[in-house]
Amino acid sequence: MPTLSNGRIRHTVVFKLKHAEGSAEERDFLAEAQRVLPAIPGVENFEALREVSPKNGYRFGFSMEFADDAAYQAYNEHPDHTNFVESRWVPEVEDFLEIDYRALDD
């Protein structure tokens, strides 16, 4: 993975869904997220990830990068993002942790 360069933001979130593991509902949520989120302008290097460590209860993660604060803010306010959060994230995610990074030398 390339190093995060100055000014860029890496937005990450790990989460656990309310749905049963391997269920159609779980697959549908993940498929819609992978369709909607990376298509939002400004999103770069989107990854949908599955947790493999037994050290925490989160099962999935999303990671993406933004060129700068303006791109990240535009993503947060984009109607496709806010709609996904309201219609899918809030009702279907049981628990999550969001972390946004910048390079140490920023």
C-alpha atoms as a PDB file:
ATOM      1  CA  MET A   1       0.000   0.000   0.000  1.00  0.00           C
ATOM      2  CA  PRO A   2       1.357   3.421  -0.844  1.00  0.00           C
ATOM      3  CA  THR A   3       2.390   5.719   1.960  1.00  0.00           C
ATOM      4  CA  LEU A   4      -0.156   8.364   2.907  1.00  0.00           C
ATOM      5  CA  SER A   5       1.258  11.610   1.554  1.00  0.00           C
ATOM      6  CA  ASN A   6       0.983  15.012   3.194  1.00  0.00           C
ATOM      7  CA  GLY A   7      -2.457  16.578   3.212  1.00  0.00           C
ATOM      8  CA  ARG A   8      -4.289  13.341   2.447  1.00  0.00           C
ATOM      9  CA  ILE A   9      -6.795  11.717   4.795  1.00  0.00           C
ATOM     10  CA  ARG A  10      -7.341   7.981   5.221  1.00  0.00           C
ATOM     11  CA  HIS A  11     -10.867   7.386   6.511  1.00  0.00           C
ATOM     12  CA  THR A  12     -11.426   3.995   8.120  1.00  0.00           C
ATOM     13  CA  VAL A  13     -14.312   2.384   9.899  1.00  0.00           C
ATOM     14  CA  VAL A  14     -14.594  -1.078  11.439  1.00  0.00           C
ATOM     15  CA  PHE A  15     -18.029  -2.420  12.236  1.00  0.00           C
ATOM     16  CA  LYS A  16     -20.296  -5.270  13.210  1.00  0.00           C
ATOM     17  CA  LEU A  17     -23.643  -5.770  11.497  1.00  0.00           C
ATOM     18  CA  LYS A  18     -26.880  -6.766  13.208  1.00  0.00           C
ATOM     19  CA  HIS A  19     -27.367  -9.453  10.543  1.00  0.00           C
ATOM     20  CA  ALA A  20     -26.459 -13.099  10.946  1.00  0.00           C
ATOM     21  CA  GLU A  21     -23.041 -14.051   9.631  1.00  0.00           C
ATOM     22  CA  GLY A  22     -23.265 -15.142   5.986  1.00  0.00           C
ATOM     23  CA  SER A  23     -26.900 -14.060   5.662  1.00  0.00           C
ATOM     24  CA  ALA A  24     -28.481 -12.547   2.563  1.00  0.00           C
ATOM     25  CA  GLU A  25     -28.966  -9.313   4.535  1.00  0.00           C
ATOM     26  CA  GLU A  26     -25.252  -9.148   5.332  1.00  0.00           C
ATOM     27  CA  ARG A  27     -24.331  -9.746   1.692  1.00  0.00           C
ATOM     28  CA  ASP A  28     -26.844  -7.121   0.527  1.00  0.00           C
ATOM     29  CA  PHE A  29     -25.505  -4.459   2.923  1.00  0.00           C
ATOM     30  CA  LEU A  30     -21.894  -5.082   1.889  1.00  0.00           C
ATOM     31  CA  ALA A  31     -22.759  -5.138  -1.823  1.00  0.00           C
ATOM     32  CA  GLU A  32     -24.629  -1.836  -1.620  1.00  0.00           C
ATOM     33  CA  ALA A  33     -21.815  -0.206   0.355  1.00  0.00           C
ATOM     34  CA  GLN A  34     -19.292  -1.363  -2.253  1.00  0.00           C
ATOM     35  CA  ARG A  35     -21.492   0.040  -5.015  1.00  0.00           C
ATOM     36  CA  VAL A  36     -22.429   3.389  -3.432  1.00  0.00           C
ATOM     37  CA  LEU A  37     -19.454   4.574  -1.384  1.00  0.00           C
ATOM     38  CA  PRO A  38     -16.589   4.322  -3.911  1.00  0.00           C
ATOM     39  CA  ALA A  39     -18.741   6.055  -6.546  1.00  0.00           C
ATOM     40  CA  ILE A  40     -18.980   9.236  -4.468  1.00  0.00           C
ATOM     41  CA  PRO A  41     -16.719  11.941  -5.922  1.00  0.00           C
ATOM     42  CA  GLY A  42     -13.437  12.319  -4.065  1.00  0.00           C
ATOM     43  CA  VAL A  43     -13.278   8.746  -2.759  1.00  0.00           C
ATOM     44  CA  GLU A  44      -9.976   7.084  -3.664  1.00  0.00           C
ATOM     45  CA  ASN A  45      -8.517   3.664  -2.878  1.00  0.00           C
ATOM     46  CA  PHE A  46     -11.755   2.271  -1.439  1.00  0.00           C
ATOM     47  CA  GLU A  47     -11.410  -1.133   0.193  1.00  0.00           C
ATOM     48  CA  ALA A  48     -14.033  -3.365   1.809  1.00  0.00           C
ATOM     49  CA  LEU A  49     -12.323  -5.630   4.332  1.00  0.00           C
ATOM     50  CA  ARG A  50     -13.129  -8.662   6.470  1.00  0.00           C
ATOM     51  CA  GLU A  51     -11.681  -8.823  10.002  1.00  0.00           C
ATOM     52  CA  VAL A  52      -9.660 -11.992  10.635  1.00  0.00           C
ATOM     53  CA  SER A  53      -8.391 -11.402  14.159  1.00  0.00           C
ATOM     54  CA  PRO A  54     -10.295 -12.811  17.141  1.00  0.00           C
ATOM     55  CA  LYS A  55      -9.024  -9.882  19.261  1.00  0.00           C
ATOM     56  CA  ASN A  56     -12.124  -7.749  18.700  1.00  0.00           C
ATOM     57  CA  GLY A  57     -15.785  -8.140  17.838  1.00  0.00           C
ATOM     58  CA  TYR A  58     -15.762  -6.137  14.607  1.00  0.00           C
ATOM     59  CA  ARG A  59     -16.296  -8.194  11.473  1.00  0.00           C
ATOM     60  CA  PHE A  60     -15.780  -5.769   8.591  1.00  0.00           C
ATOM     61  CA  GLY A  61     -13.984  -2.604   7.666  1.00  0.00           C
ATOM     62  CA  PHE A  62     -14.008   0.077   5.009  1.00  0.00           C
ATOM     63  CA  SER A  63     -10.968   2.136   4.145  1.00  0.00           C
ATOM     64  CA  MET A  64     -10.731   5.012   1.692  1.00  0.00           C
ATOM     65  CA  GLU A  65      -8.595   8.036   1.040  1.00  0.00           C
ATOM     66  CA  PHE A  66      -9.255  11.669   0.249  1.00  0.00           C
ATOM     67  CA  ALA A  67      -6.944  14.219  -1.348  1.00  0.00           C
ATOM     68  CA  ASP A  68      -7.603  16.814   1.348  1.00  0.00           C
ATOM     69  CA  ASP A  69     -10.039  18.188   3.923  1.00  0.00           C
ATOM     70  CA  ALA A  70     -12.324  19.626   1.249  1.00  0.00           C
ATOM     71  CA  ALA A  71     -12.723  16.258  -0.487  1.00  0.00           C
ATOM     72  CA  TYR A  72     -13.418  14.532   2.838  1.00  0.00           C
ATOM     73  CA  GLN A  73     -15.986  17.156   3.832  1.00  0.00           C
ATOM     74  CA  ALA A  74     -17.687  16.911   0.428  1.00  0.00           C
ATOM     75  CA  TYR A  75     -17.928  13.123   0.877  1.00  0.00           C
ATOM     76  CA  ASN A  76     -19.484  13.486   4.325  1.00  0.00           C
ATOM     77  CA  GLU A  77     -22.090  15.891   2.970  1.00  0.00           C
ATOM     78  CA  HIS A  78     -22.763  14.106  -0.325  1.00  0.00           C
ATOM     79  CA  PRO A  79     -26.420  12.984  -0.654  1.00  0.00           C
ATOM     80  CA  ASP A  80     -25.420   9.412  -1.560  1.00  0.00           C
ATOM     81  CA  HIS A  81     -23.344   9.171   1.628  1.00  0.00           C
ATOM     82  CA  THR A  82     -25.958  10.722   3.908  1.00  0.00           C
ATOM     83  CA  ASN A  83     -28.664   8.532   2.364  1.00  0.00           C
ATOM     84  CA  PHE A  84     -26.569   5.380   2.855  1.00  0.00           C
ATOM     85  CA  VAL A  85     -25.900   6.320   6.485  1.00  0.00           C
ATOM     86  CA  GLU A  86     -29.579   7.031   7.198  1.00  0.00           C
ATOM     87  CA  SER A  87     -31.129   4.167   5.256  1.00  0.00           C
ATOM     88  CA  ARG A  88     -28.592   1.378   5.774  1.00  0.00           C
ATOM     89  CA  TRP A  89     -25.841   2.215   8.290  1.00  0.00           C
ATOM     90  CA  VAL A  90     -27.947   3.427  11.214  1.00  0.00           C
ATOM     91  CA  PRO A  91     -30.514   0.614  11.097  1.00  0.00           C
ATOM     92  CA  GLU A  92     -28.123  -2.230  10.245  1.00  0.00           C
ATOM     93  CA  VAL A  93     -24.826  -1.572  12.039  1.00  0.00           C
ATOM     94  CA  GLU A  94     -24.661  -2.836  15.605  1.00  0.00           C
ATOM     95  CA  ASP A  95     -21.333  -1.264  16.599  1.00  0.00           C
ATOM     96  CA  PHE A  96     -18.497   0.614  14.904  1.00  0.00           C
ATOM     97  CA  LEU A  97     -15.286   2.537  15.380  1.00  0.00           C
ATOM     98  CA  GLU A  98     -14.278   5.303  12.979  1.00  0.00           C
ATOM     99  CA  ILE A  99     -10.704   6.529  12.682  1.00  0.00           C
ATOM    100  CA  ASP A 100      -9.421   9.183  10.295  1.00  0.00           C
ATOM    101  CA  TYR A 101      -5.671   9.433   9.742  1.00  0.00           C
ATOM    102  CA  ARG A 102      -3.121  11.873   8.411  1.00  0.00           C
ATOM    103  CA  ALA A 103       0.573  11.149   7.983  1.00  0.00           C
ATOM    104  CA  LEU A 104       2.660  11.895  11.066  1.00  0.00           C
ATOM    105  CA  ASP A 105       4.720  14.445   9.185  1.00  0.00           C
ATOM    106  CA  ASP A 106       1.657  16.534   8.282  1.00  0.00           C
END
